[in-house]
């Protein structure tokens, strides 16, 4: 069965991105909110974002609220915020495990399809 998972690594500190708001959207004929969760102390979600009947092919979007994370952790001056929300739009094309990690710092990010 397919599933969607994610995790966040704060590359500036070398630690997991804990307590970051993550919102998942399905992009069909309209942008539909599918789920809103927070990352745990390990930078992961407690459960897969999608699995079972929720998991379907199509275009999806993850929105990570990293600006709030850096401000809450006093690592960023509110006036100097560069990244607010990191938006990753991707396609689920098969009934497989899709893992979408986010490597983030206050001034840049990268992602990839993990395993």
PDB file of N, CA and C in Angstrom:
ATOM      1  N   UNK A   1       0.844  -1.190   0.000  1.00  0.00           N
ATOM      2  CA  UNK A   1       0.000   0.000   0.000  1.00  0.00           C
ATOM      3  C   UNK A   1       0.883   1.245   0.000  1.00  0.00           C
ATOM      4  N   UNK A   2       0.451   2.251  -0.716  1.00  0.00           N
ATOM      5  CA  UNK A   2       1.200   3.489  -0.784  1.00  0.00           C
ATOM      6  C   UNK A   2       1.031   4.329   0.468  1.00  0.00           C
ATOM      7  N   UNK A   3       2.038   5.164   0.690  1.00  0.00           N
ATOM      8  CA  UNK A   3       1.942   6.115   1.790  1.00  0.00           C
ATOM      9  C   UNK A   3       2.842   7.309   1.496  1.00  0.00           C
ATOM     10  N   UNK A   4       2.559   8.411   2.188  1.00  0.00           N
ATOM     11  CA  UNK A   4       3.349   9.635   2.075  1.00  0.00           C
ATOM     12  C   UNK A   4       3.876  10.000   3.449  1.00  0.00           C
ATOM     13  N   UNK A   5       5.192  10.204   3.548  1.00  0.00           N
ATOM     14  CA  UNK A   5       5.819  10.621   4.798  1.00  0.00           C
ATOM     15  C   UNK A   5       6.746  11.802   4.525  1.00  0.00           C
ATOM     16  N   UNK A   6       7.150  12.472   5.595  1.00  0.00           N
ATOM     17  CA  UNK A   6       8.078  13.587   5.487  1.00  0.00           C
ATOM     18  C   UNK A   6       8.896  13.678   6.763  1.00  0.00           C
ATOM     19  N   UNK A   7       9.978  14.407   6.684  1.00  0.00           N
ATOM     20  CA  UNK A   7      10.711  14.808   7.885  1.00  0.00           C
ATOM     21  C   UNK A   7      11.460  16.093   7.568  1.00  0.00           C
ATOM     22  N   UNK A   8      11.817  16.816   8.620  1.00  0.00           N
ATOM     23  CA  UNK A   8      12.463  18.112   8.470  1.00  0.00           C
ATOM     24  C   UNK A   8      13.767  18.096   9.250  1.00  0.00           C
ATOM     25  N   UNK A   9      14.833  18.534   8.593  1.00  0.00           N
ATOM     26  CA  UNK A   9      16.127  18.681   9.245  1.00  0.00           C
ATOM     27  C   UNK A   9      16.548  20.140   9.152  1.00  0.00           C
ATOM     28  N   UNK A  10      16.802  20.747  10.301  1.00  0.00           N
ATOM     29  CA  UNK A  10      17.312  22.117  10.374  1.00  0.00           C
ATOM     30  C   UNK A  10      18.816  22.030  10.152  1.00  0.00           C
ATOM     31  N   UNK A  11      19.263  22.295   8.938  1.00  0.00           N
ATOM     32  CA  UNK A  11      20.676  22.130   8.611  1.00  0.00           C
ATOM     33  C   UNK A  11      21.554  23.195   9.267  1.00  0.00           C
ATOM     34  N   UNK A  12      20.973  24.311   9.673  1.00  0.00           N
ATOM     35  CA  UNK A  12      21.754  25.356  10.353  1.00  0.00           C
ATOM     36  C   UNK A  12      22.190  24.897  11.750  1.00  0.00           C
ATOM     37  N   UNK A  13      21.344  24.102  12.401  1.00  0.00           N
ATOM     38  CA  UNK A  13      21.675  23.636  13.751  1.00  0.00           C
ATOM     39  C   UNK A  13      22.098  22.169  13.782  1.00  0.00           C
ATOM     40  N   UNK A  14      21.846  21.451  12.683  1.00  0.00           N
ATOM     41  CA  UNK A  14      22.152  20.025  12.659  1.00  0.00           C
ATOM     42  C   UNK A  14      21.184  19.191  13.465  1.00  0.00           C
ATOM     43  N   UNK A  15      19.984  19.739  13.707  1.00  0.00           N
ATOM     44  CA  UNK A  15      18.976  19.047  14.519  1.00  0.00           C
ATOM     45  C   UNK A  15      17.669  18.888  13.735  1.00  0.00           C
ATOM     46  N   UNK A  16      16.810  18.000  14.203  1.00  0.00           N
ATOM     47  CA  UNK A  16      15.495  17.883  13.567  1.00  0.00           C
ATOM     48  C   UNK A  16      14.705  19.187  13.693  1.00  0.00           C
ATOM     49  N   UNK A  17      13.886  19.459  12.715  1.00  0.00           N
ATOM     50  CA  UNK A  17      12.986  20.619  12.756  1.00  0.00           C
ATOM     51  C   UNK A  17      11.741  20.240  13.539  1.00  0.00           C
ATOM     52  N   UNK A  18      11.749  20.508  14.836  1.00  0.00           N
ATOM     53  CA  UNK A  18      10.656  20.104  15.728  1.00  0.00           C
ATOM     54  C   UNK A  18       9.588  21.182  15.808  1.00  0.00           C
ATOM     55  N   UNK A  19       8.351  20.749  15.933  1.00  0.00           N
ATOM     56  CA  UNK A  19       7.190  21.617  16.154  1.00  0.00           C
ATOM     57  C   UNK A  19       6.978  22.611  15.008  1.00  0.00           C
ATOM     58  N   UNK A  20       7.120  22.124  13.783  1.00  0.00           N
ATOM     59  CA  UNK A  20       6.865  22.938  12.591  1.00  0.00           C
ATOM     60  C   UNK A  20       5.493  22.562  12.049  1.00  0.00           C
ATOM     61  N   UNK A  21       4.693  23.569  11.745  1.00  0.00           N
ATOM     62  CA  UNK A  21       3.385  23.343  11.148  1.00  0.00           C
ATOM     63  C   UNK A  21       3.563  22.882   9.701  1.00  0.00           C
ATOM     64  N   UNK A  22       2.854  21.808   9.356  1.00  0.00           N
ATOM     65  CA  UNK A  22       2.892  21.233   8.009  1.00  0.00           C
ATOM     66  C   UNK A  22       1.458  21.109   7.519  1.00  0.00           C
ATOM     67  N   UNK A  23       1.182  21.667   6.349  1.00  0.00           N
ATOM     68  CA  UNK A  23      -0.154  21.514   5.777  1.00  0.00           C
ATOM     69  C   UNK A  23      -0.036  20.813   4.435  1.00  0.00           C
ATOM     70  N   UNK A  24      -0.933  19.879   4.189  1.00  0.00           N
ATOM     71  CA  UNK A  24      -0.950  19.094   2.964  1.00  0.00           C
ATOM     72  C   UNK A  24      -2.196  19.454   2.158  1.00  0.00           C
ATOM     73  N   UNK A  25      -1.998  19.689   0.872  1.00  0.00           N
ATOM     74  CA  UNK A  25      -3.093  20.026  -0.034  1.00  0.00           C
ATOM     75  C   UNK A  25      -3.108  19.056  -1.210  1.00  0.00           C
ATOM     76  N   UNK A  26      -4.308  18.760  -1.695  1.00  0.00           N
ATOM     77  CA  UNK A  26      -4.494  17.987  -2.920  1.00  0.00           C
ATOM     78  C   UNK A  26      -4.920  18.967  -3.989  1.00  0.00           C
ATOM     79  N   UNK A  27      -4.246  18.939  -5.136  1.00  0.00           N
ATOM     80  CA  UNK A  27      -4.560  19.866  -6.217  1.00  0.00           C
ATOM     81  C   UNK A  27      -5.300  19.113  -7.308  1.00  0.00           C
ATOM     82  N   UNK A  28      -6.597  19.202  -7.254  1.00  0.00           N
ATOM     83  CA  UNK A  28      -7.444  18.579  -8.257  1.00  0.00           C
ATOM     84  C   UNK A  28      -7.972  19.712  -9.110  1.00  0.00           C
ATOM     85  N   UNK A  29      -9.247  19.887  -9.209  1.00  0.00           N
ATOM     86  CA  UNK A  29      -9.796  21.046  -9.919  1.00  0.00           C
ATOM     87  C   UNK A  29      -9.648  22.303  -9.061  1.00  0.00           C
ATOM     88  N   UNK A  30      -9.480  22.108  -7.766  1.00  0.00           N
ATOM     89  CA  UNK A  30      -9.251  23.214  -6.828  1.00  0.00           C
ATOM     90  C   UNK A  30      -8.247  22.731  -5.783  1.00  0.00           C
ATOM     91  N   UNK A  31      -7.632  23.671  -5.103  1.00  0.00           N
ATOM     92  CA  UNK A  31      -6.659  23.340  -4.049  1.00  0.00           C
ATOM     93  C   UNK A  31      -7.437  22.978  -2.783  1.00  0.00           C
ATOM     94  N   UNK A  32      -7.358  21.710  -2.384  1.00  0.00           N
ATOM     95  CA  UNK A  32      -8.132  21.212  -1.251  1.00  0.00           C
ATOM     96  C   UNK A  32      -7.205  20.869  -0.090  1.00  0.00           C
ATOM     97  N   UNK A  33      -7.479  21.431   1.086  1.00  0.00           N
ATOM     98  CA  UNK A  33      -6.706  21.096   2.270  1.00  0.00           C
ATOM     99  C   UNK A  33      -7.013  19.657   2.665  1.00  0.00           C
ATOM    100  N   UNK A  34      -5.954  18.861   2.832  1.00  0.00           N
ATOM    101  CA  UNK A  34      -6.130  17.451   3.174  1.00  0.00           C
ATOM    102  C   UNK A  34      -5.768  17.154   4.619  1.00  0.00           C
ATOM    103  N   UNK A  35      -4.777  17.888   5.159  1.00  0.00           N
ATOM    104  CA  UNK A  35      -4.329  17.590   6.516  1.00  0.00           C
ATOM    105  C   UNK A  35      -3.463  18.730   7.030  1.00  0.00           C
ATOM    106  N   UNK A  36      -3.507  18.955   8.338  1.00  0.00           N
ATOM    107  CA  UNK A  36      -2.617  19.916   8.992  1.00  0.00           C
ATOM    108  C   UNK A  36      -2.081  19.242  10.250  1.00  0.00           C
ATOM    109  N   UNK A  37      -0.745  19.176  10.358  1.00  0.00           N
ATOM    110  CA  UNK A  37      -0.089  18.512  11.486  1.00  0.00           C
ATOM    111  C   UNK A  37       1.131  19.332  11.905  1.00  0.00           C
ATOM    112  N   UNK A  38       1.786  18.901  12.970  1.00  0.00           N
ATOM    113  CA  UNK A  38       3.046  19.503  13.420  1.00  0.00           C
ATOM    114  C   UNK A  38       4.092  18.404  13.497  1.00  0.00           C
ATOM    115  N   UNK A  39       5.319  18.764  13.215  1.00  0.00           N
ATOM    116  CA  UNK A  39       6.402  17.794  13.325  1.00  0.00           C
ATOM    117  C   UNK A  39       6.681  17.518  14.804  1.00  0.00           C
ATOM    118  N   UNK A  40       7.136  16.305  15.084  1.00  0.00           N
ATOM    119  CA  UNK A  40       7.454  15.934  16.456  1.00  0.00           C
ATOM    120  C   UNK A  40       8.909  16.280  16.779  1.00  0.00           C
ATOM    121  N   UNK A  41       9.411  15.853  17.910  1.00  0.00           N
ATOM    122  CA  UNK A  41      10.777  16.183  18.350  1.00  0.00           C
ATOM    123  C   UNK A  41      11.835  15.622  17.411  1.00  0.00           C
ATOM    124  N   UNK A  42      11.479  14.602  16.632  1.00  0.00           N
ATOM    125  CA  UNK A  42      12.399  14.005  15.674  1.00  0.00           C
ATOM    126  C   UNK A  42      12.267  14.636  14.284  1.00  0.00           C
ATOM    127  N   UNK A  43      11.443  15.685  14.158  1.00  0.00           N
ATOM    128  CA  UNK A  43      11.243  16.346  12.878  1.00  0.00           C
ATOM    129  C   UNK A  43      10.331  15.583  11.932  1.00  0.00           C
ATOM    130  N   UNK A  44       9.637  14.598  12.457  1.00  0.00           N
ATOM    131  CA  UNK A  44       8.737  13.761  11.647  1.00  0.00           C
ATOM    132  C   UNK A  44       7.302  13.942  12.109  1.00  0.00           C
ATOM    133  N   UNK A  45       6.371  13.392  11.355  1.00  0.00           N
ATOM    134  CA  UNK A  45       4.983  13.369  11.795  1.00  0.00           C
ATOM    135  C   UNK A  45       4.741  12.053  12.520  1.00  0.00           C
ATOM    136  N   UNK A  46       3.789  12.051  13.435  1.00  0.00           N
ATOM    137  CA  UNK A  46       3.517  10.842  14.219  1.00  0.00           C
ATOM    138  C   UNK A  46       3.025   9.691  13.347  1.00  0.00           C
ATOM    139  N   UNK A  47       2.326  10.019  12.276  1.00  0.00           N
ATOM    140  CA  UNK A  47       1.755   9.021  11.374  1.00  0.00           C
ATOM    141  C   UNK A  47       2.010   9.473   9.945  1.00  0.00           C
ATOM    142  N   UNK A  48       1.950   8.554   8.977  1.00  0.00           N
ATOM    143  CA  UNK A  48       2.072   8.981   7.581  1.00  0.00           C
ATOM    144  C   UNK A  48       1.029  10.063   7.256  1.00  0.00           C
ATOM    145  N   UNK A  49       1.411  10.968   6.386  1.00  0.00           N
ATOM    146  CA  UNK A  49       0.477  12.020   5.984  1.00  0.00           C
ATOM    147  C   UNK A  49      -0.669  11.452   5.156  1.00  0.00           C
ATOM    148  N   UNK A  50      -0.348  10.456   4.367  1.00  0.00           N
ATOM    149  CA  UNK A  50      -1.360   9.758   3.571  1.00  0.00           C
ATOM    150  C   UNK A  50      -1.090   8.264   3.623  1.00  0.00           C
ATOM    151  N   UNK A  51      -2.147   7.503   3.691  1.00  0.00           N
ATOM    152  CA  UNK A  51      -2.071   6.048   3.551  1.00  0.00           C
ATOM    153  C   UNK A  51      -3.484   5.522   3.413  1.00  0.00           C
ATOM    154  N   UNK A  52      -3.609   4.291   2.979  1.00  0.00           N
ATOM    155  CA  UNK A  52      -4.939   3.693   2.832  1.00  0.00           C
ATOM    156  C   UNK A  52      -5.769   4.419   1.801  1.00  0.00           C
ATOM    157  N   UNK A  53      -7.036   4.656   2.122  1.00  0.00           N
ATOM    158  CA  UNK A  53      -7.961   5.289   1.186  1.00  0.00           C
ATOM    159  C   UNK A  53      -7.608   6.744   0.892  1.00  0.00           C
ATOM    160  N   UNK A  54      -6.881   7.417   1.775  1.00  0.00           N
ATOM    161  CA  UNK A  54      -6.487   8.812   1.549  1.00  0.00           C
ATOM    162  C   UNK A  54      -5.416   8.931   0.460  1.00  0.00           C
ATOM    163  N   UNK A  55      -4.626   7.893   0.288  1.00  0.00           N
ATOM    164  CA  UNK A  55      -3.518   7.912  -0.660  1.00  0.00           C
ATOM    165  C   UNK A  55      -4.066   7.763  -2.077  1.00  0.00           C
ATOM    166  N   UNK A  56      -3.788   8.757  -2.921  1.00  0.00           N
ATOM    167  CA  UNK A  56      -4.232   8.673  -4.314  1.00  0.00           C
ATOM    168  C   UNK A  56      -3.260   9.410  -5.211  1.00  0.00           C
ATOM    169  N   UNK A  57      -3.225   8.969  -6.461  1.00  0.00           N
ATOM    170  CA  UNK A  57      -2.348   9.613  -7.430  1.00  0.00           C
ATOM    171  C   UNK A  57      -2.855  11.020  -7.714  1.00  0.00           C
ATOM    172  N   UNK A  58      -1.935  11.866  -8.146  1.00  0.00           N
ATOM    173  CA  UNK A  58      -2.282  13.243  -8.473  1.00  0.00           C
ATOM    174  C   UNK A  58      -1.216  14.192  -7.977  1.00  0.00           C
ATOM    175  N   UNK A  59      -1.525  15.467  -8.048  1.00  0.00           N
ATOM    176  CA  UNK A  59      -0.593  16.505  -7.636  1.00  0.00           C
ATOM    177  C   UNK A  59      -0.925  16.930  -6.212  1.00  0.00           C
ATOM    178  N   UNK A  60       0.107  16.968  -5.369  1.00  0.00           N
ATOM    179  CA  UNK A  60      -0.015  17.310  -3.957  1.00  0.00           C
ATOM    180  C   UNK A  60       0.923  18.463  -3.632  1.00  0.00           C
ATOM    181  N   UNK A  61       0.659  19.113  -2.526  1.00  0.00           N
ATOM    182  CA  UNK A  61       1.498  20.228  -2.092  1.00  0.00           C
ATOM    183  C   UNK A  61       1.687  20.151  -0.579  1.00  0.00           C
ATOM    184  N   UNK A  62       2.938  20.251  -0.150  1.00  0.00           N
ATOM    185  CA  UNK A  62       3.268  20.359   1.274  1.00  0.00           C
ATOM    186  C   UNK A  62       3.700  21.785   1.554  1.00  0.00           C
ATOM    187  N   UNK A  63       3.189  22.371   2.633  1.00  0.00           N
ATOM    188  CA  UNK A  63       3.555  23.725   3.033  1.00  0.00           C
ATOM    189  C   UNK A  63       4.116  23.643   4.450  1.00  0.00           C
ATOM    190  N   UNK A  64       5.389  23.999   4.589  1.00  0.00           N
ATOM    191  CA  UNK A  64       6.095  23.965   5.869  1.00  0.00           C
ATOM    192  C   UNK A  64       6.245  25.405   6.371  1.00  0.00           C
ATOM    193  N   UNK A  65       5.771  25.720   7.562  1.00  0.00           N
ATOM    194  CA  UNK A  65       5.836  27.083   8.122  1.00  0.00           C
ATOM    195  C   UNK A  65       7.165  27.283   8.847  1.00  0.00           C
ATOM    196  N   UNK A  66       8.230  27.448   8.075  1.00  0.00           N
ATOM    197  CA  UNK A  66       9.563  27.533   8.666  1.00  0.00           C
ATOM    198  C   UNK A  66       9.875  28.912   9.253  1.00  0.00           C
ATOM    199  N   UNK A  67       9.260  29.964   8.738  1.00  0.00           N
ATOM    200  CA  UNK A  67       9.490  31.296   9.314  1.00  0.00           C
ATOM    201  C   UNK A  67       9.063  31.340  10.771  1.00  0.00           C
ATOM    202  N   UNK A  68       7.892  30.795  11.065  1.00  0.00           N
ATOM    203  CA  UNK A  68       7.415  30.728  12.456  1.00  0.00           C
ATOM    204  C   UNK A  68       8.372  29.914  13.320  1.00  0.00           C
ATOM    205  N   UNK A  69       8.851  28.796  12.782  1.00  0.00           N
ATOM    206  CA  UNK A  69       9.789  27.935  13.509  1.00  0.00           C
ATOM    207  C   UNK A  69      11.047  28.703  13.912  1.00  0.00           C
ATOM    208  N   UNK A  70      11.650  29.410  12.973  1.00  0.00           N
ATOM    209  CA  UNK A  70      12.888  30.135  13.292  1.00  0.00           C
ATOM    210  C   UNK A  70      12.646  31.303  14.241  1.00  0.00           C
ATOM    211  N   UNK A  71      11.519  31.973  14.117  1.00  0.00           N
ATOM    212  CA  UNK A  71      11.212  33.057  15.058  1.00  0.00           C
ATOM    213  C   UNK A  71      10.956  32.512  16.463  1.00  0.00           C
ATOM    214  N   UNK A  72      10.217  31.419  16.569  1.00  0.00           N
ATOM    215  CA  UNK A  72       9.923  30.824  17.877  1.00  0.00           C
ATOM    216  C   UNK A  72      11.190  30.343  18.573  1.00  0.00           C
ATOM    217  N   UNK A  73      12.162  29.910  17.809  1.00  0.00           N
ATOM    218  CA  UNK A  73      13.411  29.418  18.378  1.00  0.00           C
ATOM    219  C   UNK A  73      14.457  30.516  18.503  1.00  0.00           C
ATOM    220  N   UNK A  74      14.024  31.770  18.351  1.00  0.00           N
ATOM    221  CA  UNK A  74      14.889  32.953  18.529  1.00  0.00           C
ATOM    222  C   UNK A  74      16.144  32.872  17.659  1.00  0.00           C
ATOM    223  N   UNK A  75      16.018  32.216  16.515  1.00  0.00           N
ATOM    224  CA  UNK A  75      17.164  32.080  15.621  1.00  0.00           C
ATOM    225  C   UNK A  75      17.065  33.045  14.450  1.00  0.00           C
ATOM    226  N   UNK A  76      15.996  33.861  14.445  1.00  0.00           N
ATOM    227  CA  UNK A  76      15.790  34.742  13.314  1.00  0.00           C
ATOM    228  C   UNK A  76      15.129  36.015  13.787  1.00  0.00           C
ATOM    229  N   UNK A  77      15.687  37.121  13.415  1.00  0.00           N
ATOM    230  CA  UNK A  77      15.075  38.408  13.680  1.00  0.00           C
ATOM    231  C   UNK A  77      13.822  38.512  12.800  1.00  0.00           C
ATOM    232  N   UNK A  78      12.655  38.824  13.363  1.00  0.00           N
ATOM    233  CA  UNK A  78      11.432  38.880  12.560  1.00  0.00           C
ATOM    234  C   UNK A  78      11.539  39.790  11.340  1.00  0.00           C
ATOM    235  N   UNK A  79      12.348  40.826  11.432  1.00  0.00           N
ATOM    236  CA  UNK A  79      12.484  41.753  10.310  1.00  0.00           C
ATOM    237  C   UNK A  79      13.387  41.197   9.212  1.00  0.00           C
ATOM    238  N   UNK A  80      14.180  40.176   9.516  1.00  0.00           N
ATOM    239  CA  UNK A  80      15.117  39.659   8.520  1.00  0.00           C
ATOM    240  C   UNK A  80      14.700  38.304   7.958  1.00  0.00           C
ATOM    241  N   UNK A  81      13.455  37.930   8.156  1.00  0.00           N
ATOM    242  CA  UNK A  81      12.993  36.637   7.653  1.00  0.00           C
ATOM    243  C   UNK A  81      13.098  36.590   6.133  1.00  0.00           C
ATOM    244  N   UNK A  82      13.691  35.544   5.633  1.00  0.00           N
ATOM    245  CA  UNK A  82      13.753  35.321   4.188  1.00  0.00           C
ATOM    246  C   UNK A  82      12.711  34.293   3.781  1.00  0.00           C
ATOM    247  N   UNK A  83      12.740  33.132   4.423  1.00  0.00           N
ATOM    248  CA  UNK A  83      11.758  32.087   4.140  1.00  0.00           C
ATOM    249  C   UNK A  83      10.611  32.170   5.141  1.00  0.00           C
ATOM    250  N   UNK A  84       9.422  32.201   4.638  1.00  0.00           N
ATOM    251  CA  UNK A  84       8.233  32.112   5.488  1.00  0.00           C
ATOM    252  C   UNK A  84       7.677  30.696   5.394  1.00  0.00           C
ATOM    253  N   UNK A  85       7.114  30.386   4.247  1.00  0.00           N
ATOM    254  CA  UNK A  85       6.572  29.055   3.995  1.00  0.00           C
ATOM    255  C   UNK A  85       7.364  28.412   2.869  1.00  0.00           C
ATOM    256  N   UNK A  86       7.771  27.178   3.069  1.00  0.00           N
ATOM    257  CA  UNK A  86       8.389  26.406   2.003  1.00  0.00           C
ATOM    258  C   UNK A  86       7.288  25.542   1.404  1.00  0.00           C
ATOM    259  N   UNK A  87       7.064  25.707   0.110  1.00  0.00           N
ATOM    260  CA  UNK A  87       6.006  24.990  -0.600  1.00  0.00           C
ATOM    261  C   UNK A  87       6.659  23.994  -1.554  1.00  0.00           C
ATOM    262  N   UNK A  88       6.294  22.739  -1.404  1.00  0.00           N
ATOM    263  CA  UNK A  88       6.811  21.687  -2.280  1.00  0.00           C
ATOM    264  C   UNK A  88       5.621  21.054  -2.992  1.00  0.00           C
ATOM    265  N   UNK A  89       5.587  21.205  -4.309  1.00  0.00           N
ATOM    266  CA  UNK A  89       4.511  20.622  -5.124  1.00  0.00           C
ATOM    267  C   UNK A  89       5.100  19.413  -5.855  1.00  0.00           C
ATOM    268  N   UNK A  90       4.427  18.280  -5.762  1.00  0.00           N
ATOM    269  CA  UNK A  90       4.952  17.040  -6.314  1.00  0.00           C
ATOM    270  C   UNK A  90       3.801  16.161  -6.779  1.00  0.00           C
ATOM    271  N   UNK A  91       4.138  15.157  -7.562  1.00  0.00           N
ATOM    272  CA  UNK A  91       3.134  14.225  -8.083  1.00  0.00           C
ATOM    273  C   UNK A  91       3.322  12.851  -7.472  1.00  0.00           C
ATOM    274  N   UNK A  92       2.230  12.261  -7.087  1.00  0.00           N
ATOM    275  CA  UNK A  92       2.206  10.859  -6.688  1.00  0.00           C
ATOM    276  C   UNK A  92       1.700  10.100  -7.905  1.00  0.00           C
ATOM    277  N   UNK A  93       2.526   9.176  -8.386  1.00  0.00           N
ATOM    278  CA  UNK A  93       2.229   8.519  -9.655  1.00  0.00           C
ATOM    279  C   UNK A  93       1.975   7.025  -9.546  1.00  0.00           C
ATOM    280  N   UNK A  94       2.223   6.451  -8.389  1.00  0.00           N
ATOM    281  CA  UNK A  94       2.073   5.004  -8.232  1.00  0.00           C
ATOM    282  C   UNK A  94       1.763   4.675  -6.779  1.00  0.00           C
ATOM    283  N   UNK A  95       1.343   3.469  -6.550  1.00  0.00           N
ATOM    284  CA  UNK A  95       1.019   2.997  -5.212  1.00  0.00           C
ATOM    285  C   UNK A  95       2.309   2.540  -4.529  1.00  0.00           C
ATOM    286  N   UNK A  96       3.135   3.523  -4.122  1.00  0.00           N
ATOM    287  CA  UNK A  96       4.440   3.275  -3.530  1.00  0.00           C
ATOM    288  C   UNK A  96       4.598   4.161  -2.296  1.00  0.00           C
ATOM    289  N   UNK A  97       5.728   4.010  -1.619  1.00  0.00           N
ATOM    290  CA  UNK A  97       6.057   4.905  -0.504  1.00  0.00           C
ATOM    291  C   UNK A  97       6.720   6.148  -1.077  1.00  0.00           C
ATOM    292  N   UNK A  98       6.117   7.300  -0.874  1.00  0.00           N
ATOM    293  CA  UNK A  98       6.688   8.582  -1.264  1.00  0.00           C
ATOM    294  C   UNK A  98       7.132   9.286   0.016  1.00  0.00           C
ATOM    295  N   UNK A  99       8.433   9.565   0.108  1.00  0.00           N
ATOM    296  CA  UNK A  99       8.984  10.267   1.266  1.00  0.00           C
ATOM    297  C   UNK A  99       9.553  11.588   0.765  1.00  0.00           C
ATOM    298  N   UNK A 100       9.099  12.702   1.356  1.00  0.00           N
ATOM    299  CA  UNK A 100       9.509  14.039   0.918  1.00  0.00           C
ATOM    300  C   UNK A 100      10.175  14.749   2.092  1.00  0.00           C
ATOM    301  N   UNK A 101      11.516  14.640   2.214  1.00  0.00           N
ATOM    302  CA  UNK A 101      12.221  15.335   3.288  1.00  0.00           C
ATOM    303  C   UNK A 101      12.462  16.801   2.942  1.00  0.00           C
ATOM    304  N   UNK A 102      12.586  17.612   3.980  1.00  0.00           N
ATOM    305  CA  UNK A 102      12.923  19.023   3.824  1.00  0.00           C
ATOM    306  C   UNK A 102      14.186  19.303   4.623  1.00  0.00           C
ATOM    307  N   UNK A 103      15.227  19.760   3.946  1.00  0.00           N
ATOM    308  CA  UNK A 103      16.454  20.219   4.584  1.00  0.00           C
ATOM    309  C   UNK A 103      16.393  21.735   4.527  1.00  0.00           C
ATOM    310  N   UNK A 104      16.405  22.394   5.693  1.00  0.00           N
ATOM    311  CA  UNK A 104      16.120  23.832   5.711  1.00  0.00           C
ATOM    312  C   UNK A 104      17.076  24.578   6.629  1.00  0.00           C
ATOM    313  N   UNK A 105      17.374  25.808   6.242  1.00  0.00           N
ATOM    314  CA  UNK A 105      18.097  26.766   7.075  1.00  0.00           C
ATOM    315  C   UNK A 105      17.306  28.069   6.985  1.00  0.00           C
ATOM    316  N   UNK A 106      17.665  29.094   7.731  1.00  0.00           N
ATOM    317  CA  UNK A 106      16.886  30.334   7.643  1.00  0.00           C
ATOM    318  C   UNK A 106      16.902  30.974   6.252  1.00  0.00           C
ATOM    319  N   UNK A 107      17.856  30.598   5.404  1.00  0.00           N
ATOM    320  CA  UNK A 107      17.992  31.302   4.131  1.00  0.00           C
ATOM    321  C   UNK A 107      17.993  30.406   2.904  1.00  0.00           C
ATOM    322  N   UNK A 108      17.661  29.134   3.058  1.00  0.00           N
ATOM    323  CA  UNK A 108      17.596  28.246   1.911  1.00  0.00           C
ATOM    324  C   UNK A 108      17.081  26.874   2.298  1.00  0.00           C
ATOM    325  N   UNK A 109      16.727  26.075   1.280  1.00  0.00           N
ATOM    326  CA  UNK A 109      16.219  24.737   1.537  1.00  0.00           C
ATOM    327  C   UNK A 109      16.479  23.840   0.333  1.00  0.00           C
ATOM    328  N   UNK A 110      16.374  22.542   0.554  1.00  0.00           N
ATOM    329  CA  UNK A 110      16.400  21.580  -0.536  1.00  0.00           C
ATOM    330  C   UNK A 110      15.492  20.406  -0.163  1.00  0.00           C
ATOM    331  N   UNK A 111      15.118  19.649  -1.160  1.00  0.00           N
ATOM    332  CA  UNK A 111      14.259  18.490  -0.959  1.00  0.00           C
ATOM    333  C   UNK A 111      14.599  17.458  -2.029  1.00  0.00           C
ATOM    334  N   UNK A 112      14.063  16.278  -1.869  1.00  0.00           N
ATOM    335  CA  UNK A 112      14.271  15.197  -2.834  1.00  0.00           C
ATOM    336  C   UNK A 112      13.245  14.120  -2.536  1.00  0.00           C
ATOM    337  N   UNK A 113      13.112  13.175  -3.445  1.00  0.00           N
ATOM    338  CA  UNK A 113      12.260  12.028  -3.153  1.00  0.00           C
ATOM    339  C   UNK A 113      13.105  11.005  -2.423  1.00  0.00           C
ATOM    340  N   UNK A 114      12.825  10.833  -1.159  1.00  0.00           N
ATOM    341  CA  UNK A 114      13.579   9.897  -0.333  1.00  0.00           C
ATOM    342  C   UNK A 114      12.989   8.513  -0.380  1.00  0.00           C
ATOM    343  N   UNK A 115      13.477   7.672   0.502  1.00  0.00           N
ATOM    344  CA  UNK A 115      12.991   6.294   0.553  1.00  0.00           C
ATOM    345  C   UNK A 115      12.520   5.969   1.960  1.00  0.00           C
TER     346      UNK A 115
END
